[in-house]
Amino acid sequence: MSKVILKTVYPGLKFVKKGKVRDIYEIDGNLLIVATDRLSAFDVVFDQGIPEKGKVLTKISEYWFKQVADIIPNHIISTEVNNFPVLKKYADELKDRIMIVKNVKPVMVECIVRGYLSGSGWSEYQEKGSICGIGLPKGLVESDKLPEPIFTPTSKAEVGVHDENITFEDVITMIGAARAAELKTKAIEIYKKASLIAEKKGLIIADTKLEFGLDGEKLILIDEALTPDSSRFWPRNLYKPGGAQPSFDKQFVRDYLIKIKWNKKPPAPPLPEEIIKRTSEKYLEALNKITS
């Protein structure tokens, strides 16, 4: 197992931004995205990392970007360290955890598509009978499959700030009706195609978060795509509505944090070695199931 990468320092590369999990540098006018092994849960970044996590996120994203390229283009230029001489001295650390991507303007909306009732969506449904202003049938139980996938956007928050649920009307106000409709349509198309692929591999994608950018005036898919950090993956053969489901994502960590009654505010509590080990195993299992 490779060493855990929590922090990146690359003299000679222009540092741009540190995200919850990814560090971003500029290279030849494009962006170098380095997926670290940092763990973020409830919008708090932990001091401990998850072995192999950054590599898993990169490989899964690369797989899905290719799978949905017929629906929408994406920002990837290359994932090969050796294609860029300036990166060769850092090759051992960067191998399998980088994406060189187009430097485009992000659309400041996190596009969440839900096919099942889980997480914050389940909480909001219990309280209001709706999610992000979308009314749902009465009598649904936790983890129920929804009649149709729904688009439930959130505002795009900075590190350490909670994303806020917004309505589709809010998105229209932010970016205009035509672009909002395009976002919604593309996000749902991506989710539907990915769900069909995942089901054949024994996985249910309960929900996913997608991010988009503008390459000139053209909408493209950016950031990551359908990873265990941005999606809920459930084993199809164990699916049983009426409660939480076993998962191949960081819900495993969230469940532990809920169990110990953490207040979801910094500082993050230390994670037991067993939780770290099991989380790493779940990420690697997700990679194997999705890309096999």
C-alpha atoms as a PDB file:
ATOM      1  CA  MET A   1       0.000   0.000   0.000  1.00  0.00           C
ATOM      2  CA  SER A   2       1.443   3.396  -0.974  1.00  0.00           C
ATOM      3  CA  LYS A   3       2.067   6.145   1.553  1.00  0.00           C
ATOM      4  CA  VAL A   4      -0.823   8.384   2.512  1.00  0.00           C
ATOM      5  CA  ILE A   5      -0.654  11.829   0.860  1.00  0.00           C
ATOM      6  CA  LEU A   6      -2.252  14.577   2.955  1.00  0.00           C
ATOM      7  CA  LYS A   7      -0.270  17.590   1.771  1.00  0.00           C
ATOM      8  CA  THR A   8       1.399  18.443  -1.531  1.00  0.00           C
ATOM      9  CA  VAL A   9       4.404  20.705  -2.080  1.00  0.00           C
ATOM     10  CA  TYR A  10       5.885  20.953  -5.581  1.00  0.00           C
ATOM     11  CA  PRO A  11       8.527  23.692  -5.927  1.00  0.00           C
ATOM     12  CA  GLY A  12       8.506  25.014  -9.460  1.00  0.00           C
ATOM     13  CA  LEU A  13       4.766  24.508  -9.919  1.00  0.00           C
ATOM     14  CA  LYS A  14       2.372  27.413  -9.463  1.00  0.00           C
ATOM     15  CA  PHE A  15      -0.046  26.632  -6.611  1.00  0.00           C
ATOM     16  CA  VAL A  16      -3.632  27.747  -7.288  1.00  0.00           C
ATOM     17  CA  LYS A  17      -5.981  26.367  -4.648  1.00  0.00           C
ATOM     18  CA  LYS A  18      -6.402  23.806  -1.882  1.00  0.00           C
ATOM     19  CA  GLY A  19      -9.777  22.034  -1.813  1.00  0.00           C
ATOM     20  CA  LYS A  20     -11.159  19.582   0.711  1.00  0.00           C
ATOM     21  CA  VAL A  21      -9.491  16.662  -1.059  1.00  0.00           C
ATOM     22  CA  ARG A  22      -7.741  18.049  -4.156  1.00  0.00           C
ATOM     23  CA  ASP A  23      -4.818  20.434  -4.544  1.00  0.00           C
ATOM     24  CA  ILE A  24      -4.716  22.462  -7.739  1.00  0.00           C
ATOM     25  CA  TYR A  25      -1.677  23.816  -9.587  1.00  0.00           C
ATOM     26  CA  GLU A  26      -1.258  25.610 -12.905  1.00  0.00           C
ATOM     27  CA  ILE A  27       0.730  23.973 -15.674  1.00  0.00           C
ATOM     28  CA  ASP A  28       1.102  25.356 -19.212  1.00  0.00           C
ATOM     29  CA  GLY A  29      -2.070  27.428 -18.807  1.00  0.00           C
ATOM     30  CA  ASN A  30      -4.048  24.352 -17.767  1.00  0.00           C
ATOM     31  CA  LEU A  31      -4.741  22.988 -14.286  1.00  0.00           C
ATOM     32  CA  LEU A  32      -3.042  20.098 -12.525  1.00  0.00           C
ATOM     33  CA  ILE A  33      -5.495  18.471 -10.097  1.00  0.00           C
ATOM     34  CA  VAL A  34      -3.839  16.254  -7.487  1.00  0.00           C
ATOM     35  CA  ALA A  35      -6.228  13.951  -5.602  1.00  0.00           C
ATOM     36  CA  THR A  36      -4.808  13.562  -2.091  1.00  0.00           C
ATOM     37  CA  ASP A  37      -5.871  10.950   0.462  1.00  0.00           C
ATOM     38  CA  ARG A  38      -7.537  13.566   2.655  1.00  0.00           C
ATOM     39  CA  LEU A  39     -10.944  12.710   4.061  1.00  0.00           C
ATOM     40  CA  SER A  40     -13.775  15.231   4.269  1.00  0.00           C
ATOM     41  CA  ALA A  41     -16.993  14.385   6.083  1.00  0.00           C
ATOM     42  CA  PHE A  42     -19.816  16.797   6.925  1.00  0.00           C
ATOM     43  CA  ASP A  43     -17.661  19.494   5.247  1.00  0.00           C
ATOM     44  CA  VAL A  44     -14.853  19.063   7.799  1.00  0.00           C
ATOM     45  CA  VAL A  45     -11.400  17.864   6.674  1.00  0.00           C
ATOM     46  CA  PHE A  46      -9.808  15.233   8.912  1.00  0.00           C
ATOM     47  CA  ASP A  47      -6.174  15.082  10.053  1.00  0.00           C
ATOM     48  CA  GLN A  48      -5.955  11.428   9.023  1.00  0.00           C
ATOM     49  CA  GLY A  49      -6.100  10.196   5.451  1.00  0.00           C
ATOM     50  CA  ILE A  50      -7.495   7.086   3.772  1.00  0.00           C
ATOM     51  CA  PRO A  51      -4.824   4.936   2.060  1.00  0.00           C
ATOM     52  CA  GLU A  52      -5.194   4.775  -1.774  1.00  0.00           C
ATOM     53  CA  LYS A  53      -8.201   7.127  -1.732  1.00  0.00           C
ATOM     54  CA  GLY A  54      -6.788   9.734  -4.126  1.00  0.00           C
ATOM     55  CA  LYS A  55      -5.818   7.108  -6.674  1.00  0.00           C
ATOM     56  CA  VAL A  56      -9.249   5.489  -6.452  1.00  0.00           C
ATOM     57  CA  LEU A  57     -10.998   8.830  -7.023  1.00  0.00           C
ATOM     58  CA  THR A  58      -8.849   9.591 -10.066  1.00  0.00           C
ATOM     59  CA  LYS A  59      -9.257   6.177 -11.688  1.00  0.00           C
ATOM     60  CA  ILE A  60     -13.021   6.055 -11.130  1.00  0.00           C
ATOM     61  CA  SER A  61     -13.480   9.606 -12.436  1.00  0.00           C
ATOM     62  CA  GLU A  62     -11.444   8.798 -15.531  1.00  0.00           C
ATOM     63  CA  TYR A  63     -13.636   5.729 -16.154  1.00  0.00           C
ATOM     64  CA  TRP A  64     -16.918   7.644 -15.867  1.00  0.00           C
ATOM     65  CA  PHE A  65     -15.737  10.640 -17.908  1.00  0.00           C
ATOM     66  CA  LYS A  66     -15.174   8.205 -20.792  1.00  0.00           C
ATOM     67  CA  GLN A  67     -18.504   6.422 -20.259  1.00  0.00           C
ATOM     68  CA  VAL A  68     -20.589   9.606 -20.469  1.00  0.00           C
ATOM     69  CA  ALA A  69     -18.536  11.413 -23.147  1.00  0.00           C
ATOM     70  CA  ASP A  70     -21.379  10.812 -25.613  1.00  0.00           C
ATOM     71  CA  ILE A  71     -23.642  12.894 -23.356  1.00  0.00           C
ATOM     72  CA  ILE A  72     -21.246  15.732 -22.558  1.00  0.00           C
ATOM     73  CA  PRO A  73     -17.538  16.548 -23.096  1.00  0.00           C
ATOM     74  CA  ASN A  74     -15.278  16.877 -20.042  1.00  0.00           C
ATOM     75  CA  HIS A  75     -12.237  18.816 -18.900  1.00  0.00           C
ATOM     76  CA  ILE A  76      -9.594  16.046 -18.967  1.00  0.00           C
ATOM     77  CA  ILE A  77      -6.496  16.559 -21.123  1.00  0.00           C
ATOM     78  CA  SER A  78      -4.328  13.789 -19.645  1.00  0.00           C
ATOM     79  CA  THR A  79      -3.835  11.604 -16.564  1.00  0.00           C
ATOM     80  CA  GLU A  80      -0.285  10.548 -17.498  1.00  0.00           C
ATOM     81  CA  VAL A  81       2.522  12.061 -15.419  1.00  0.00           C
ATOM     82  CA  ASN A  82       5.139  11.119 -18.010  1.00  0.00           C
ATOM     83  CA  ASN A  83       3.485  13.298 -20.661  1.00  0.00           C
ATOM     84  CA  PHE A  84       4.703  16.383 -18.777  1.00  0.00           C
ATOM     85  CA  PRO A  85       8.472  16.757 -18.221  1.00  0.00           C
ATOM     86  CA  VAL A  86       7.947  19.289 -15.419  1.00  0.00           C
ATOM     87  CA  LEU A  87       6.186  16.584 -13.364  1.00  0.00           C
ATOM     88  CA  LYS A  88       8.746  13.800 -13.775  1.00  0.00           C
ATOM     89  CA  LYS A  89      10.682  14.624 -10.596  1.00  0.00           C
ATOM     90  CA  TYR A  90       7.426  14.146  -8.630  1.00  0.00           C
ATOM     91  CA  ALA A  91       6.295  11.120 -10.642  1.00  0.00           C
ATOM     92  CA  ASP A  92       6.388   8.581  -7.786  1.00  0.00           C
ATOM     93  CA  GLU A  93       3.957  10.636  -5.724  1.00  0.00           C
ATOM     94  CA  LEU A  94       1.767  11.831  -8.590  1.00  0.00           C
ATOM     95  CA  LYS A  95       1.331   8.567 -10.508  1.00  0.00           C
ATOM     96  CA  ASP A  96      -2.354   7.532 -10.749  1.00  0.00           C
ATOM     97  CA  ARG A  97      -3.594  10.519  -8.750  1.00  0.00           C
ATOM     98  CA  ILE A  98      -3.506  13.419 -11.234  1.00  0.00           C
ATOM     99  CA  MET A  99      -5.640  14.942 -13.926  1.00  0.00           C
ATOM    100  CA  ILE A 100      -4.368  17.679 -16.243  1.00  0.00           C
ATOM    101  CA  VAL A 101      -7.534  19.552 -17.156  1.00  0.00           C
ATOM    102  CA  LYS A 102      -8.749  22.564 -19.072  1.00  0.00           C
ATOM    103  CA  ASN A 103      -8.842  25.759 -17.040  1.00  0.00           C
ATOM    104  CA  VAL A 104     -12.508  26.679 -17.473  1.00  0.00           C
ATOM    105  CA  LYS A 105     -15.015  28.809 -15.626  1.00  0.00           C
ATOM    106  CA  PRO A 106     -16.978  26.669 -13.125  1.00  0.00           C
ATOM    107  CA  VAL A 107     -20.763  26.928 -12.917  1.00  0.00           C
ATOM    108  CA  MET A 108     -21.375  27.807  -9.275  1.00  0.00           C
ATOM    109  CA  VAL A 109     -24.029  25.148  -8.703  1.00  0.00           C
ATOM    110  CA  GLU A 110     -23.485  21.656  -7.323  1.00  0.00           C
ATOM    111  CA  CYS A 111     -25.751  19.423  -9.370  1.00  0.00           C
ATOM    112  CA  ILE A 112     -27.105  16.592  -7.260  1.00  0.00           C
ATOM    113  CA  VAL A 113     -29.239  13.898  -8.847  1.00  0.00           C
ATOM    114  CA  ARG A 114     -31.129  11.519  -6.570  1.00  0.00           C
ATOM    115  CA  GLY A 115     -32.623   8.230  -7.653  1.00  0.00           C
ATOM    116  CA  TYR A 116     -33.237   6.977  -4.117  1.00  0.00           C
ATOM    117  CA  LEU A 117     -34.318   8.556  -0.852  1.00  0.00           C
ATOM    118  CA  SER A 118     -31.265   8.784   1.382  1.00  0.00           C
ATOM    119  CA  GLY A 119     -29.025  11.111   3.393  1.00  0.00           C
ATOM    120  CA  SER A 120     -30.081  14.748   3.653  1.00  0.00           C
ATOM    121  CA  GLY A 121     -32.804  14.068   1.058  1.00  0.00           C
ATOM    122  CA  TRP A 122     -34.448  11.553   3.381  1.00  0.00           C
ATOM    123  CA  SER A 123     -34.199  14.031   6.288  1.00  0.00           C
ATOM    124  CA  GLU A 124     -35.818  16.806   4.233  1.00  0.00           C
ATOM    125  CA  TYR A 125     -38.543  14.481   2.951  1.00  0.00           C
ATOM    126  CA  GLN A 126     -39.455  13.476   6.520  1.00  0.00           C
ATOM    127  CA  GLU A 127     -39.763  17.122   7.479  1.00  0.00           C
ATOM    128  CA  LYS A 128     -41.400  18.606   4.380  1.00  0.00           C
ATOM    129  CA  GLY A 129     -42.546  15.787   2.100  1.00  0.00           C
ATOM    130  CA  SER A 130     -40.316  17.311  -0.585  1.00  0.00           C
ATOM    131  CA  ILE A 131     -36.662  17.855  -1.543  1.00  0.00           C
ATOM    132  CA  CYS A 132     -35.465  21.234  -2.847  1.00  0.00           C
ATOM    133  CA  GLY A 133     -39.062  22.212  -3.516  1.00  0.00           C
ATOM    134  CA  ILE A 134     -39.849  18.990  -5.442  1.00  0.00           C
ATOM    135  CA  GLY A 135     -42.933  17.288  -4.004  1.00  0.00           C
ATOM    136  CA  LEU A 136     -42.670  13.506  -3.593  1.00  0.00           C
ATOM    137  CA  PRO A 137     -45.284  10.788  -3.060  1.00  0.00           C
ATOM    138  CA  LYS A 138     -46.463  10.268   0.515  1.00  0.00           C
ATOM    139  CA  GLY A 139     -45.493   7.188   2.483  1.00  0.00           C
ATOM    140  CA  LEU A 140     -41.983   6.657   1.128  1.00  0.00           C
ATOM    141  CA  VAL A 141     -39.475   4.969   3.431  1.00  0.00           C
ATOM    142  CA  GLU A 142     -35.725   5.490   3.770  1.00  0.00           C
ATOM    143  CA  SER A 143     -33.775   4.222   0.726  1.00  0.00           C
ATOM    144  CA  ASP A 144     -36.922   3.882  -1.427  1.00  0.00           C
ATOM    145  CA  LYS A 145     -36.375   4.191  -5.159  1.00  0.00           C
ATOM    146  CA  LEU A 146     -37.945   7.413  -6.432  1.00  0.00           C
ATOM    147  CA  PRO A 147     -40.471   7.276  -9.319  1.00  0.00           C
ATOM    148  CA  GLU A 148     -37.950   9.225 -11.446  1.00  0.00           C
ATOM    149  CA  PRO A 149     -34.493  10.669 -10.692  1.00  0.00           C
ATOM    150  CA  ILE A 150     -34.759  14.238  -9.381  1.00  0.00           C
ATOM    151  CA  PHE A 151     -32.423  17.234  -9.710  1.00  0.00           C
ATOM    152  CA  THR A 152     -31.735  18.733  -6.272  1.00  0.00           C
ATOM    153  CA  PRO A 153     -29.040  21.408  -6.584  1.00  0.00           C
ATOM    154  CA  THR A 154     -27.039  23.037  -3.813  1.00  0.00           C
ATOM    155  CA  SER A 155     -25.018  26.228  -3.643  1.00  0.00           C
ATOM    156  CA  LYS A 156     -21.276  25.760  -4.113  1.00  0.00           C
ATOM    157  CA  ALA A 157     -19.638  26.568  -0.775  1.00  0.00           C
ATOM    158  CA  GLU A 158     -16.028  27.241   0.166  1.00  0.00           C
ATOM    159  CA  VAL A 159     -14.032  24.758   2.261  1.00  0.00           C
ATOM    160  CA  GLY A 160     -15.451  24.477   5.774  1.00  0.00           C
ATOM    161  CA  VAL A 161     -18.835  25.961   4.806  1.00  0.00           C
ATOM    162  CA  HIS A 162     -21.924  23.801   4.418  1.00  0.00           C
ATOM    163  CA  ASP A 163     -23.517  23.634   0.977  1.00  0.00           C
ATOM    164  CA  GLU A 164     -27.113  24.886   1.037  1.00  0.00           C
ATOM    165  CA  ASN A 165     -30.014  23.243  -0.769  1.00  0.00           C
ATOM    166  CA  ILE A 166     -31.540  25.509  -3.402  1.00  0.00           C
ATOM    167  CA  THR A 167     -34.489  25.127  -5.766  1.00  0.00           C
ATOM    168  CA  PHE A 168     -34.415  24.895  -9.540  1.00  0.00           C
ATOM    169  CA  GLU A 169     -35.951  28.386  -9.587  1.00  0.00           C
ATOM    170  CA  ASP A 170     -32.906  29.614  -7.629  1.00  0.00           C
ATOM    171  CA  VAL A 171     -30.654  28.104 -10.291  1.00  0.00           C
ATOM    172  CA  ILE A 172     -32.616  29.922 -13.013  1.00  0.00           C
ATOM    173  CA  THR A 173     -32.125  33.186 -11.119  1.00  0.00           C
ATOM    174  CA  MET A 174     -28.383  32.498 -10.826  1.00  0.00           C
ATOM    175  CA  ILE A 175     -27.528  31.420 -14.387  1.00  0.00           C
ATOM    176  CA  GLY A 176     -30.616  31.913 -16.562  1.00  0.00           C
ATOM    177  CA  ALA A 177     -33.390  29.576 -17.695  1.00  0.00           C
ATOM    178  CA  ALA A 178     -31.658  28.046 -20.735  1.00  0.00           C
ATOM    179  CA  ARG A 179     -28.418  27.177 -18.934  1.00  0.00           C
ATOM    180  CA  ALA A 180     -30.321  25.921 -15.873  1.00  0.00           C
ATOM    181  CA  ALA A 181     -32.401  23.615 -18.082  1.00  0.00           C
ATOM    182  CA  GLU A 182     -29.227  22.335 -19.781  1.00  0.00           C
ATOM    183  CA  LEU A 183     -27.600  21.615 -16.405  1.00  0.00           C
ATOM    184  CA  LYS A 184     -30.624  19.695 -15.175  1.00  0.00           C
ATOM    185  CA  THR A 185     -31.045  17.702 -18.388  1.00  0.00           C
ATOM    186  CA  LYS A 186     -27.373  16.738 -18.667  1.00  0.00           C
ATOM    187  CA  ALA A 187     -27.061  15.837 -14.975  1.00  0.00           C
ATOM    188  CA  ILE A 188     -30.076  13.508 -15.111  1.00  0.00           C
ATOM    189  CA  GLU A 189     -28.907  11.926 -18.397  1.00  0.00           C
ATOM    190  CA  ILE A 190     -25.480  11.224 -16.857  1.00  0.00           C
ATOM    191  CA  TYR A 191     -27.034   9.718 -13.742  1.00  0.00           C
ATOM    192  CA  LYS A 192     -29.377   7.488 -15.745  1.00  0.00           C
ATOM    193  CA  LYS A 193     -26.625   6.143 -18.006  1.00  0.00           C
ATOM    194  CA  ALA A 194     -24.224   5.576 -15.111  1.00  0.00           C
ATOM    195  CA  SER A 195     -26.955   3.840 -13.102  1.00  0.00           C
ATOM    196  CA  LEU A 196     -27.596   1.345 -15.896  1.00  0.00           C
ATOM    197  CA  ILE A 197     -23.881   0.593 -16.181  1.00  0.00           C
ATOM    198  CA  ALA A 198     -23.511   0.252 -12.403  1.00  0.00           C
ATOM    199  CA  GLU A 199     -26.504  -2.082 -12.081  1.00  0.00           C
ATOM    200  CA  LYS A 200     -24.876  -4.541 -14.475  1.00  0.00           C
ATOM    201  CA  LYS A 201     -21.882  -4.526 -12.117  1.00  0.00           C
ATOM    202  CA  GLY A 202     -24.046  -5.211  -9.054  1.00  0.00           C
ATOM    203  CA  LEU A 203     -24.172  -1.632  -7.773  1.00  0.00           C
ATOM    204  CA  ILE A 204     -26.932   0.891  -7.154  1.00  0.00           C
ATOM    205  CA  ILE A 205     -26.020   4.571  -7.465  1.00  0.00           C
ATOM    206  CA  ALA A 206     -28.407   6.102  -4.939  1.00  0.00           C
ATOM    207  CA  ASP A 207     -27.386   9.675  -5.739  1.00  0.00           C
ATOM    208  CA  THR A 208     -24.477  11.651  -7.107  1.00  0.00           C
ATOM    209  CA  LYS A 209     -23.051  15.169  -7.180  1.00  0.00           C
ATOM    210  CA  LEU A 210     -21.833  16.530 -10.516  1.00  0.00           C
ATOM    211  CA  GLU A 211     -20.054  19.762 -11.348  1.00  0.00           C
ATOM    212  CA  PHE A 212     -19.981  21.618 -14.640  1.00  0.00           C
ATOM    213  CA  GLY A 213     -17.946  24.376 -16.239  1.00  0.00           C
ATOM    214  CA  LEU A 214     -18.021  26.580 -19.318  1.00  0.00           C
ATOM    215  CA  ASP A 215     -15.415  26.012 -22.034  1.00  0.00           C
ATOM    216  CA  GLY A 216     -16.167  29.247 -23.839  1.00  0.00           C
ATOM    217  CA  GLU A 217     -19.938  28.951 -24.096  1.00  0.00           C
ATOM    218  CA  LYS A 218     -19.944  25.140 -24.167  1.00  0.00           C
ATOM    219  CA  LEU A 219     -21.053  23.278 -21.042  1.00  0.00           C
ATOM    220  CA  ILE A 220     -18.612  20.543 -19.975  1.00  0.00           C
ATOM    221  CA  LEU A 221     -18.303  18.109 -17.057  1.00  0.00           C
ATOM    222  CA  ILE A 222     -15.540  19.015 -14.569  1.00  0.00           C
ATOM    223  CA  ASP A 223     -14.130  18.100 -11.150  1.00  0.00           C
ATOM    224  CA  GLU A 224     -14.732  14.400 -10.394  1.00  0.00           C
ATOM    225  CA  ALA A 225     -17.372  12.019 -11.699  1.00  0.00           C
ATOM    226  CA  LEU A 226     -19.403   9.408  -9.815  1.00  0.00           C
ATOM    227  CA  THR A 227     -16.796   8.541  -7.182  1.00  0.00           C
ATOM    228  CA  PRO A 228     -17.334   7.221  -3.643  1.00  0.00           C
ATOM    229  CA  ASP A 229     -16.699  10.805  -2.456  1.00  0.00           C
ATOM    230  CA  SER A 230     -19.462  12.296  -4.599  1.00  0.00           C
ATOM    231  CA  SER A 231     -21.957   9.417  -4.785  1.00  0.00           C
ATOM    232  CA  ARG A 232     -23.670   6.763  -2.718  1.00  0.00           C
ATOM    233  CA  PHE A 233     -22.988   3.237  -3.998  1.00  0.00           C
ATOM    234  CA  TRP A 234     -25.015   0.349  -2.585  1.00  0.00           C
ATOM    235  CA  PRO A 235     -24.609  -3.388  -3.266  1.00  0.00           C
ATOM    236  CA  ARG A 236     -27.598  -4.325  -5.401  1.00  0.00           C
ATOM    237  CA  ASN A 237     -27.961  -7.827  -3.956  1.00  0.00           C
ATOM    238  CA  LEU A 238     -28.370  -6.444  -0.395  1.00  0.00           C
ATOM    239  CA  TYR A 239     -30.760  -3.608  -1.238  1.00  0.00           C
ATOM    240  CA  LYS A 240     -33.719  -3.471   1.115  1.00  0.00           C
ATOM    241  CA  PRO A 241     -35.787  -0.263   1.504  1.00  0.00           C
ATOM    242  CA  GLY A 242     -36.813   0.809   5.002  1.00  0.00           C
ATOM    243  CA  GLY A 243     -33.453   1.830   6.462  1.00  0.00           C
ATOM    244  CA  ALA A 244     -29.854   2.726   5.724  1.00  0.00           C
ATOM    245  CA  GLN A 245     -28.015   0.522   3.216  1.00  0.00           C
ATOM    246  CA  PRO A 246     -24.535  -0.992   3.281  1.00  0.00           C
ATOM    247  CA  SER A 247     -22.312   1.159   1.081  1.00  0.00           C
ATOM    248  CA  PHE A 248     -19.073   1.415  -0.867  1.00  0.00           C
ATOM    249  CA  ASP A 249     -18.456   5.056  -0.063  1.00  0.00           C
ATOM    250  CA  LYS A 250     -17.657   7.413   2.796  1.00  0.00           C
ATOM    251  CA  GLN A 251     -21.116   6.879   4.273  1.00  0.00           C
ATOM    252  CA  PHE A 252     -19.299   4.199   6.299  1.00  0.00           C
ATOM    253  CA  VAL A 253     -17.291   6.988   7.991  1.00  0.00           C
ATOM    254  CA  ARG A 254     -20.354   9.218   8.357  1.00  0.00           C
ATOM    255  CA  ASP A 255     -22.218   6.388  10.096  1.00  0.00           C
ATOM    256  CA  TYR A 256     -19.346   5.982  12.568  1.00  0.00           C
ATOM    257  CA  LEU A 257     -19.293   9.751  13.241  1.00  0.00           C
ATOM    258  CA  ILE A 258     -23.059   9.790  13.812  1.00  0.00           C
ATOM    259  CA  LYS A 259     -22.705   6.818  16.171  1.00  0.00           C
ATOM    260  CA  ILE A 260     -20.153   8.645  18.356  1.00  0.00           C
ATOM    261  CA  LYS A 261     -22.411  11.738  18.312  1.00  0.00           C
ATOM    262  CA  TRP A 262     -19.794  14.114  16.894  1.00  0.00           C
ATOM    263  CA  ASN A 263     -21.198  17.646  16.558  1.00  0.00           C
ATOM    264  CA  LYS A 264     -19.988  17.915  12.912  1.00  0.00           C
ATOM    265  CA  LYS A 265     -17.832  20.944  13.752  1.00  0.00           C
ATOM    266  CA  PRO A 266     -14.023  21.299  13.678  1.00  0.00           C
ATOM    267  CA  PRO A 267     -11.841  19.888  15.006  1.00  0.00           C
ATOM    268  CA  ALA A 268     -12.548  16.475  13.514  1.00  0.00           C
ATOM    269  CA  PRO A 269     -12.302  13.569  15.972  1.00  0.00           C
ATOM    270  CA  PRO A 270      -9.513  10.998  15.536  1.00  0.00           C
ATOM    271  CA  LEU A 271     -10.604   7.943  13.565  1.00  0.00           C
ATOM    272  CA  PRO A 272      -9.779   4.431  14.826  1.00  0.00           C
ATOM    273  CA  GLU A 273      -7.367   2.471  12.630  1.00  0.00           C
ATOM    274  CA  GLU A 274     -10.098  -0.086  11.918  1.00  0.00           C
ATOM    275  CA  ILE A 275     -12.403   2.614  10.478  1.00  0.00           C
ATOM    276  CA  ILE A 276      -9.572   3.950   8.290  1.00  0.00           C
ATOM    277  CA  LYS A 277      -8.677   0.443   7.091  1.00  0.00           C
ATOM    278  CA  ARG A 278     -12.290  -0.530   6.314  1.00  0.00           C
ATOM    279  CA  THR A 279     -12.921   2.753   4.497  1.00  0.00           C
ATOM    280  CA  SER A 280      -9.864   2.196   2.301  1.00  0.00           C
ATOM    281  CA  GLU A 281     -11.068  -1.336   1.546  1.00  0.00           C
ATOM    282  CA  LYS A 282     -14.513  -0.024   0.576  1.00  0.00           C
ATOM    283  CA  TYR A 283     -13.027   2.538  -1.818  1.00  0.00           C
ATOM    284  CA  LEU A 284     -10.826  -0.101  -3.447  1.00  0.00           C
ATOM    285  CA  GLU A 285     -13.778  -2.494  -3.714  1.00  0.00           C
ATOM    286  CA  ALA A 286     -15.810   0.258  -5.403  1.00  0.00           C
ATOM    287  CA  LEU A 287     -12.967   0.794  -7.891  1.00  0.00           C
ATOM    288  CA  ASN A 288     -12.774  -2.919  -8.686  1.00  0.00           C
ATOM    289  CA  LYS A 289     -16.532  -3.308  -9.117  1.00  0.00           C
ATOM    290  CA  ILE A 290     -16.968  -0.192 -11.261  1.00  0.00           C
ATOM    291  CA  THR A 291     -13.986  -0.552 -13.588  1.00  0.00           C
ATOM    292  CA  SER A 292     -13.887  -4.361 -13.967  1.00  0.00           C
END
